[in-house]
Amino acid sequence: MTTTDSAETAGNRSGFLTWMAVAALVYLLLVGVSVVGAGFKWISGGADGAAAIFAFASNPLAGVILGTLATALVQSSSTVTSVIVGLVAGGVPVSIAVPMIMGANMGTTITNTIVSLGNLREAGALKKSFQAATVHDFFNLFSIMIFLPIEMIFHPLERMAGNAAGWLVGGDGASMSGLNFMGAITKPPAGAIVDIFGSFGEPLGPSLVIVLGIGMIMVSVVYLGRLLRTVMTGQARSLMEKALGRRPETGVVSGTVVTVLVQSSSTTTSLIVPLAGAGVVTLRQVFPFTMGANIGTCITALLAATSITGPYEVFALQIALVHLFYNVLGVLLFLYTPWLKDLPIHAATWLGQKASEHRSWAFGYIFAVFFVMPGTVFAGEFLFDSGEPRVPIAPEEVESCRVEVEQCGMAIE
């Protein structure tokens, strides 16, 4: 074997080991995200906690804000959506449930924003990754600002979804639960970690789980960014650019497909953040990809809702279709309206620059948007509400519908 052959063999071996390290760090990142979600579910009470929060959603604005809080705490838009389905079946007006769905869209974006904090020590990488994370936040925020007033006055989403649900009721159901391979590989280690800390009780146990999950995320993001700068050259970078495409429509399709396959919008958007931090993808490539994730997160819920029979079927379909119509219309609006399509990008660029200059901006943004503001509304509703909650709740119907939806395959987060 010549010196050249030896060098080529060594180079191939080194490249293979590097890619194996990338795969291991990606897995660590995914497990970390799952661990953080498990910790939040534990400390918030999961579906029961979400139902308790929604008991005070007495008007559309409160519905949006409490939907954000519930999803940020439960860390699963699928759980929150199934709770909303049960609430509607139990008597909650659809006009209140629609804003809850909008809020759930906003709350689920906290995961990739936490992932971006893995680059805290590197200002340049933090700026890029925080911009990539928050462009999804601003898209959802601006969508709410546009669609909520329209929905409150004219109820187009409620009416369209109601008509479509009437056409679809009685159709054959479908399920994608068998495709949830991402949950199959990340939930066992996350569950084992929760079991380890189970003896500590609340609130220490879930707090330690959340801290450990965030630590796993930060370690994986730091080293993943360094490796990606090394391996994402030449053909690898070209393949990534082709996947995202030069046109935003291609990015939307890619984000939708990936989210349907991994059954988690949080996973999809969290995976793109380290790539942005490493400079592999640009903010303009990330934006349509994350919009596609919003659409992908609706598909399994819609398929699962078609499998529900009995008194819940129309309500389940209507809420699932509201979610789908809302996200599709939002994507179309921001793709093809000239003055809107750059708005989330400019807002994320500004915030990312501030966060890179002063780290307190990053932490302040997360706590203010996802916890302080929604928590203040929740506390206000709780303190000043007199008597019973104004949103009728049937706990046994909520639980029954949640279990039925999960069994049908509604596993997207």
Protein backbone atom coordinates (compact mmCIF):
# COMPACT_ATOMS: atom_id res chain seq x y z
CA MET A 1 0.00 0.00 0.00
CA THR A 2 1.40 3.36 -1.03
CA THR A 3 1.68 6.39 1.19
CA THR A 4 -1.14 8.03 -0.77
CA ASP A 5 -3.43 5.01 -0.25
CA SER A 6 -2.63 4.97 3.47
CA ALA A 7 -3.41 8.63 3.78
CA GLU A 8 -6.70 8.18 1.89
CA THR A 9 -7.70 5.23 4.09
CA ALA A 10 -6.86 7.19 7.23
CA GLY A 11 -8.85 10.14 5.91
CA ASN A 12 -11.89 7.96 5.17
CA ARG A 13 -11.69 6.40 8.63
CA SER A 14 -11.41 9.83 10.22
CA GLY A 15 -14.39 11.08 8.20
CA PHE A 16 -16.47 8.07 9.19
CA LEU A 17 -15.65 8.54 12.87
CA THR A 18 -16.51 12.23 12.61
CA TRP A 19 -19.93 11.46 11.14
CA MET A 20 -20.48 8.84 13.84
CA ALA A 21 -19.70 11.52 16.42
CA VAL A 22 -22.19 13.85 14.71
CA ALA A 23 -24.86 11.12 14.87
CA ALA A 24 -24.11 10.49 18.56
CA LEU A 25 -24.38 14.20 19.38
CA VAL A 26 -27.64 14.52 17.44
CA TYR A 27 -29.00 11.61 19.47
CA LEU A 28 -27.83 13.27 22.68
CA LEU A 29 -29.58 16.47 21.59
CA LEU A 30 -32.84 14.61 20.88
CA VAL A 31 -32.70 12.75 24.19
CA GLY A 32 -31.99 16.04 25.96
CA VAL A 33 -35.06 17.62 24.35
CA SER A 34 -37.12 14.60 25.42
CA VAL A 35 -35.74 14.79 28.97
CA VAL A 36 -36.61 18.49 29.26
CA GLY A 37 -40.11 17.73 27.99
CA ALA A 38 -40.51 14.89 30.49
CA GLY A 39 -39.39 17.17 33.32
CA PHE A 40 -41.83 19.91 32.34
CA LYS A 41 -44.67 17.40 32.04
CA TRP A 42 -43.85 16.04 35.48
CA ILE A 43 -43.78 19.40 37.20
CA SER A 44 -46.83 20.78 35.37
CA GLY A 45 -49.07 17.74 35.75
CA GLY A 46 -49.20 16.88 32.04
CA ALA A 47 -52.68 16.75 30.51
CA ASP A 48 -54.38 17.36 33.85
CA GLY A 49 -52.27 20.47 34.39
CA ALA A 50 -53.14 21.76 30.92
CA ALA A 51 -56.84 21.17 31.56
CA ALA A 52 -56.59 23.09 34.83
CA ILE A 53 -54.93 26.02 33.07
CA PHE A 54 -57.58 26.10 30.36
CA ALA A 55 -60.31 26.27 33.01
CA PHE A 56 -59.61 30.02 33.17
CA ALA A 57 -59.65 30.68 29.41
CA SER A 58 -62.71 32.89 29.64
CA ASN A 59 -62.12 34.90 26.45
CA PRO A 60 -60.19 34.50 23.17
CA LEU A 61 -57.14 36.52 24.26
CA ALA A 62 -56.85 34.53 27.47
CA GLY A 63 -57.24 31.37 25.39
CA VAL A 64 -54.20 32.29 23.28
CA ILE A 65 -52.03 33.22 26.24
CA LEU A 66 -53.00 30.23 28.34
CA GLY A 67 -52.52 27.96 25.32
CA THR A 68 -48.96 29.28 25.13
CA LEU A 69 -48.40 28.70 28.84
CA ALA A 70 -49.90 25.20 28.81
CA THR A 71 -47.78 24.05 25.87
CA ALA A 72 -44.61 25.65 27.25
CA LEU A 73 -45.14 23.79 30.53
CA VAL A 74 -46.32 20.46 29.14
CA GLN A 75 -43.81 20.62 26.25
CA SER A 76 -46.15 18.73 23.93
CA SER A 77 -48.59 20.34 21.56
CA SER A 78 -50.12 16.90 20.95
CA THR A 79 -51.07 16.59 24.62
CA VAL A 80 -52.44 20.13 24.70
CA THR A 81 -54.38 19.62 21.47
CA SER A 82 -55.94 16.38 22.73
CA VAL A 83 -56.92 18.18 25.95
CA ILE A 84 -58.54 20.93 23.87
CA VAL A 85 -60.46 18.30 21.90
CA GLY A 86 -61.75 16.86 25.16
CA LEU A 87 -62.68 20.30 26.46
CA VAL A 88 -64.71 21.06 23.35
CA ALA A 89 -66.46 17.71 23.67
CA GLY A 90 -67.19 18.65 27.29
CA GLY A 91 -68.87 21.92 26.36
CA VAL A 92 -66.13 24.51 25.79
CA PRO A 93 -67.20 26.81 22.93
CA VAL A 94 -65.18 26.31 19.76
CA SER A 95 -64.74 30.09 19.62
CA ILE A 96 -62.64 29.82 22.81
CA ALA A 97 -60.84 26.63 21.71
CA VAL A 98 -59.60 28.14 18.43
CA PRO A 99 -57.41 30.74 20.20
CA MET A 100 -56.11 27.94 22.44
CA ILE A 101 -54.86 26.20 19.31
CA MET A 102 -53.12 29.40 18.23
CA GLY A 103 -51.46 29.66 21.62
CA ALA A 104 -50.35 26.02 21.46
CA ASN A 105 -48.53 26.86 18.22
CA MET A 106 -46.62 29.59 20.03
CA GLY A 107 -45.84 27.57 23.15
CA THR A 108 -44.24 24.67 21.30
CA THR A 109 -41.49 26.94 19.93
CA ILE A 110 -39.80 27.25 23.32
CA THR A 111 -37.87 24.00 22.77
CA ASN A 112 -35.72 25.16 19.87
CA THR A 113 -35.16 28.49 21.64
CA ILE A 114 -33.71 26.60 24.61
CA VAL A 115 -31.55 24.59 22.19
CA SER A 116 -30.07 27.81 20.81
CA LEU A 117 -28.71 28.65 24.28
CA GLY A 118 -26.15 25.89 23.79
CA ASN A 119 -24.05 28.49 21.98
CA LEU A 120 -24.00 30.97 24.86
CA ARG A 121 -20.19 31.06 24.98
CA GLU A 122 -19.79 31.95 21.30
CA ALA A 123 -21.36 35.27 20.37
CA GLY A 124 -21.38 34.65 16.62
CA ALA A 125 -22.89 31.18 16.87
CA LEU A 126 -25.41 32.37 19.48
CA LYS A 127 -26.57 35.16 17.20
CA LYS A 128 -27.17 32.80 14.28
CA SER A 129 -28.78 30.02 16.31
CA PHE A 130 -30.98 32.40 18.34
CA GLN A 131 -32.14 34.06 15.14
CA ALA A 132 -32.96 30.65 13.64
CA ALA A 133 -34.93 29.70 16.77
CA THR A 134 -36.86 32.94 17.22
CA VAL A 135 -37.84 33.37 13.56
CA HIS A 136 -40.31 30.55 14.27
CA ASP A 137 -41.53 32.41 17.37
CA PHE A 138 -42.08 35.64 15.47
CA PHE A 139 -43.88 33.86 12.64
CA ASN A 140 -46.33 32.37 15.14
CA LEU A 141 -46.64 35.66 17.05
CA PHE A 142 -47.39 37.71 13.94
CA SER A 143 -49.81 35.02 12.71
CA ILE A 144 -51.73 35.32 15.97
CA MET A 145 -51.79 39.12 15.70
CA ILE A 146 -53.26 38.86 12.20
CA PHE A 147 -55.65 35.92 12.51
CA LEU A 148 -56.96 36.34 16.08
CA PRO A 149 -58.87 39.62 15.48
CA ILE A 150 -60.29 38.25 12.22
CA GLU A 151 -61.35 35.05 13.95
CA MET A 152 -62.91 36.93 16.87
CA ILE A 153 -65.05 39.02 14.50
CA PHE A 154 -65.84 36.74 11.54
CA HIS A 155 -64.92 33.18 12.75
CA PRO A 156 -63.65 31.97 9.34
CA LEU A 157 -61.49 29.16 10.74
CA GLU A 158 -64.28 27.87 12.95
CA ARG A 159 -66.77 27.89 10.07
CA MET A 160 -64.44 26.35 7.48
CA ALA A 161 -63.35 23.62 9.88
CA GLY A 162 -66.94 22.96 10.94
CA ASN A 163 -68.09 22.52 7.34
CA ALA A 164 -65.11 20.32 6.45
CA ALA A 165 -65.60 18.21 9.58
CA GLY A 166 -69.21 17.63 8.58
CA TRP A 167 -68.06 16.29 5.22
CA LEU A 168 -65.40 14.03 6.71
CA VAL A 169 -67.31 12.51 9.65
CA GLY A 170 -67.82 8.83 9.08
CA GLY A 171 -64.74 8.45 6.87
CA ASP A 172 -62.14 5.79 7.47
CA GLY A 173 -59.58 6.68 10.11
CA ALA A 174 -55.85 6.60 9.68
CA SER A 175 -52.99 6.38 12.10
CA MET A 176 -49.28 7.10 11.99
CA SER A 177 -48.46 5.75 15.42
CA GLY A 178 -46.36 3.00 13.86
CA LEU A 179 -44.08 5.62 12.29
CA ASN A 180 -43.21 7.29 15.58
CA PHE A 181 -39.66 5.93 15.56
CA MET A 182 -38.28 9.14 17.06
CA GLY A 183 -40.26 8.61 20.24
CA ALA A 184 -39.22 4.97 20.29
CA ILE A 185 -35.52 5.85 20.43
CA THR A 186 -35.65 8.90 22.72
CA LYS A 187 -38.41 8.19 25.25
CA PRO A 188 -36.84 5.06 26.88
CA PRO A 189 -33.67 6.88 28.06
CA ALA A 190 -35.74 9.93 29.03
CA GLY A 191 -38.07 7.68 31.03
CA ALA A 192 -35.12 6.00 32.71
CA ILE A 193 -33.76 9.39 33.79
CA VAL A 194 -37.15 10.38 35.20
CA ASP A 195 -37.25 7.07 37.12
CA ILE A 196 -33.80 7.74 38.58
CA PHE A 197 -34.90 11.10 39.97
CA GLY A 198 -38.38 9.87 40.89
CA SER A 199 -37.39 9.27 44.51
CA PHE A 200 -36.62 12.98 45.01
CA GLY A 201 -40.27 13.95 44.71
CA GLU A 202 -41.61 17.34 43.65
CA PRO A 203 -40.41 19.96 42.96
CA LEU A 204 -36.78 18.81 43.34
CA GLY A 205 -37.09 15.73 41.11
CA PRO A 206 -38.54 17.39 37.98
CA SER A 207 -36.27 20.41 38.47
CA LEU A 208 -33.19 18.16 38.40
CA VAL A 209 -34.53 16.38 35.32
CA ILE A 210 -35.01 19.70 33.51
CA VAL A 211 -31.54 20.93 34.48
CA LEU A 212 -29.97 17.66 33.33
CA GLY A 213 -31.86 17.83 30.02
CA ILE A 214 -30.74 21.41 29.41
CA GLY A 215 -27.17 20.36 30.22
CA MET A 216 -27.38 17.55 27.66
CA ILE A 217 -28.69 20.00 25.06
CA MET A 218 -25.94 22.52 25.69
CA VAL A 219 -23.13 19.96 25.55
CA SER A 220 -24.47 18.44 22.34
CA VAL A 221 -25.00 21.83 20.65
CA VAL A 222 -21.51 23.11 21.51
CA TYR A 223 -19.67 20.08 20.14
CA LEU A 224 -22.14 19.50 17.32
CA GLY A 225 -21.53 23.01 16.03
CA ARG A 226 -17.78 22.44 15.96
CA LEU A 227 -18.11 19.15 14.09
CA LEU A 228 -20.65 20.50 11.62
CA ARG A 229 -18.28 23.26 10.57
CA THR A 230 -15.79 20.51 9.72
CA VAL A 231 -17.99 17.99 7.92
CA MET A 232 -20.52 20.27 6.22
CA THR A 233 -18.33 21.10 3.25
CA GLY A 234 -18.46 20.22 -0.41
CA GLN A 235 -20.98 17.48 -1.20
CA ALA A 236 -22.52 17.44 2.28
CA ARG A 237 -23.28 21.17 2.15
CA SER A 238 -24.62 20.80 -1.40
CA LEU A 239 -27.03 18.06 -0.30
CA MET A 240 -28.28 20.21 2.58
CA GLU A 241 -28.86 23.17 0.27
CA LYS A 242 -30.78 20.95 -2.15
CA ALA A 243 -32.95 19.65 0.69
CA LEU A 244 -33.86 23.16 1.77
CA GLY A 245 -33.95 24.41 -1.79
CA ARG A 246 -33.34 27.79 -3.29
CA ARG A 247 -37.04 28.59 -3.34
CA PRO A 248 -38.96 29.02 -0.06
CA GLU A 249 -41.65 26.58 -1.24
CA THR A 250 -39.07 23.79 -1.26
CA GLY A 251 -38.11 24.64 2.30
CA VAL A 252 -41.75 24.53 3.39
CA VAL A 253 -42.21 21.10 1.80
CA SER A 254 -38.99 19.82 3.40
CA GLY A 255 -40.03 21.06 6.83
CA THR A 256 -43.46 19.47 6.45
CA VAL A 257 -42.10 16.10 5.33
CA VAL A 258 -39.40 15.92 8.00
CA THR A 259 -41.90 16.79 10.74
CA VAL A 260 -44.36 14.15 9.56
CA LEU A 261 -41.56 11.56 9.53
CA VAL A 262 -40.10 12.34 12.96
CA GLN A 263 -43.55 13.21 14.38
CA SER A 264 -42.29 16.20 16.34
CA SER A 265 -42.13 19.82 15.25
CA SER A 266 -39.95 20.49 18.30
CA THR A 267 -37.44 17.93 17.03
CA THR A 268 -37.51 19.34 13.49
CA THR A 269 -36.90 22.92 14.54
CA SER A 270 -34.38 21.92 17.20
CA LEU A 271 -32.26 20.04 14.66
CA ILE A 272 -32.04 23.03 12.31
CA VAL A 273 -30.80 25.39 15.06
CA PRO A 274 -27.27 23.87 15.41
CA LEU A 275 -26.93 23.92 11.62
CA ALA A 276 -27.73 27.62 11.61
CA GLY A 277 -25.34 28.27 14.49
CA ALA A 278 -22.56 26.51 12.58
CA GLY A 279 -23.23 28.65 9.52
CA VAL A 280 -24.37 25.68 7.41
CA VAL A 281 -27.78 27.20 6.65
CA THR A 282 -28.93 30.81 6.50
CA LEU A 283 -31.82 32.44 8.30
CA ARG A 284 -33.70 32.79 5.02
CA GLN A 285 -33.39 29.03 4.49
CA VAL A 286 -34.46 28.28 8.05
CA PHE A 287 -37.62 30.40 7.96
CA PRO A 288 -39.61 28.45 5.33
CA PHE A 289 -38.37 25.17 6.81
CA THR A 290 -39.81 26.07 10.21
CA MET A 291 -43.06 27.21 8.59
CA GLY A 292 -43.28 23.76 7.03
CA ALA A 293 -42.83 22.24 10.48
CA ASN A 294 -45.99 24.10 11.54
CA ILE A 295 -47.93 22.32 8.81
CA GLY A 296 -46.33 18.94 9.47
CA THR A 297 -47.31 19.08 13.12
CA CYS A 298 -51.00 19.04 12.10
CA ILE A 299 -51.01 15.96 9.89
CA THR A 300 -50.93 13.18 12.46
CA ALA A 301 -53.46 14.97 14.67
CA LEU A 302 -55.79 15.21 11.68
CA LEU A 303 -55.36 11.53 10.82
CA ALA A 304 -55.89 10.55 14.44
CA ALA A 305 -59.01 12.68 14.71
CA THR A 306 -60.60 10.82 11.78
CA SER A 307 -60.36 7.62 13.84
CA ILE A 308 -62.41 8.95 16.76
CA THR A 309 -66.00 7.79 16.81
CA GLY A 310 -69.01 8.64 18.90
CA PRO A 311 -69.92 12.07 20.31
CA TYR A 312 -66.35 13.37 19.98
CA GLU A 313 -65.81 12.85 16.26
CA VAL A 314 -67.13 16.15 14.90
CA PHE A 315 -65.39 18.21 17.60
CA ALA A 316 -62.10 16.31 17.20
CA LEU A 317 -62.13 16.81 13.45
CA GLN A 318 -63.14 20.45 13.71
CA ILE A 319 -60.31 21.37 16.08
CA ALA A 320 -57.74 19.34 14.10
CA LEU A 321 -58.87 21.06 10.90
CA VAL A 322 -58.75 24.47 12.57
CA HIS A 323 -55.11 23.75 13.41
CA LEU A 324 -54.38 22.69 9.83
CA PHE A 325 -56.21 25.58 8.14
CA TYR A 326 -54.67 28.11 10.48
CA ASN A 327 -51.11 26.94 9.76
CA VAL A 328 -51.58 26.53 6.01
CA LEU A 329 -53.17 29.96 5.65
CA GLY A 330 -50.42 31.49 7.80
CA VAL A 331 -47.70 29.96 5.63
CA LEU A 332 -49.37 31.13 2.41
CA LEU A 333 -49.83 34.63 3.81
CA PHE A 334 -46.20 35.01 4.86
CA LEU A 335 -44.84 33.36 1.71
CA TYR A 336 -46.62 35.55 -0.80
CA THR A 337 -47.33 38.88 0.92
CA PRO A 338 -44.32 41.13 0.13
CA TRP A 339 -44.45 43.29 3.26
CA LEU A 340 -45.00 40.28 5.55
CA LYS A 341 -42.48 37.71 4.33
CA ASP A 342 -39.46 39.57 5.71
CA LEU A 343 -41.09 40.72 8.96
CA PRO A 344 -40.20 37.64 11.10
CA ILE A 345 -36.69 37.59 9.63
CA HIS A 346 -36.05 41.24 10.50
CA ALA A 347 -37.46 40.77 14.02
CA ALA A 348 -35.38 37.63 14.63
CA THR A 349 -32.26 39.31 13.24
CA TRP A 350 -32.67 42.22 15.64
CA LEU A 351 -33.31 39.99 18.66
CA GLY A 352 -30.43 37.66 17.79
CA GLN A 353 -28.06 40.64 17.61
CA LYS A 354 -29.24 41.86 21.02
CA ALA A 355 -28.83 38.40 22.53
CA SER A 356 -25.27 38.10 21.21
CA GLU A 357 -24.36 41.48 22.70
CA HIS A 358 -26.08 40.89 26.06
CA ARG A 359 -26.88 37.31 27.08
CA SER A 360 -29.58 38.56 29.45
CA TRP A 361 -31.72 39.36 26.40
CA ALA A 362 -31.91 35.65 25.55
CA PHE A 363 -32.98 34.54 29.03
CA GLY A 364 -35.26 37.54 29.49
CA TYR A 365 -37.01 36.84 26.20
CA ILE A 366 -37.70 33.17 27.04
CA PHE A 367 -39.02 33.86 30.53
CA ALA A 368 -41.05 36.92 29.51
CA VAL A 369 -42.74 35.45 26.43
CA PHE A 370 -43.33 31.88 27.54
CA PHE A 371 -43.79 32.18 31.30
CA VAL A 372 -44.06 35.67 32.80
CA MET A 373 -46.70 37.13 30.45
CA PRO A 374 -48.86 33.96 30.24
CA GLY A 375 -48.36 33.30 33.96
CA THR A 376 -49.49 36.82 34.80
CA VAL A 377 -52.68 36.36 32.80
CA PHE A 378 -53.26 32.95 34.39
CA ALA A 379 -52.73 34.38 37.88
CA GLY A 380 -55.01 37.32 37.13
CA GLU A 381 -57.76 35.04 35.86
CA PHE A 382 -57.33 32.83 38.92
CA LEU A 383 -57.34 35.67 41.47
CA PHE A 384 -60.10 37.81 40.02
CA ASP A 385 -62.39 35.09 38.73
CA SER A 386 -65.36 34.65 41.01
CA GLY A 387 -66.95 31.28 41.58
CA GLU A 388 -66.51 28.33 39.27
CA PRO A 389 -64.36 28.54 36.14
CA ARG A 390 -66.35 29.95 33.26
CA VAL A 391 -65.11 27.30 30.84
CA PRO A 392 -67.14 24.13 31.42
CA ILE A 393 -64.91 21.11 31.91
CA ALA A 394 -65.82 17.45 32.01
CA PRO A 395 -62.65 15.81 33.40
CA GLU A 396 -63.71 12.27 32.53
CA GLU A 397 -64.43 13.35 28.95
CA VAL A 398 -61.09 15.15 28.68
CA GLU A 399 -59.18 12.08 29.87
CA SER A 400 -61.20 9.68 27.72
CA CYS A 401 -60.68 11.76 24.59
CA ARG A 402 -56.98 12.26 25.34
CA VAL A 403 -56.39 8.53 25.66
CA GLU A 404 -58.43 7.80 22.54
CA VAL A 405 -56.52 10.35 20.48
CA GLU A 406 -53.15 9.04 21.67
CA GLN A 407 -54.18 5.48 20.85
CA CYS A 408 -55.12 6.60 17.36
CA GLY A 409 -51.58 7.84 16.80
CA MET A 410 -51.56 11.53 17.64
CA ALA A 411 -47.94 11.72 18.72
CA ILE A 412 -46.64 14.91 17.12
CA GLU A 413 -45.26 17.48 19.54
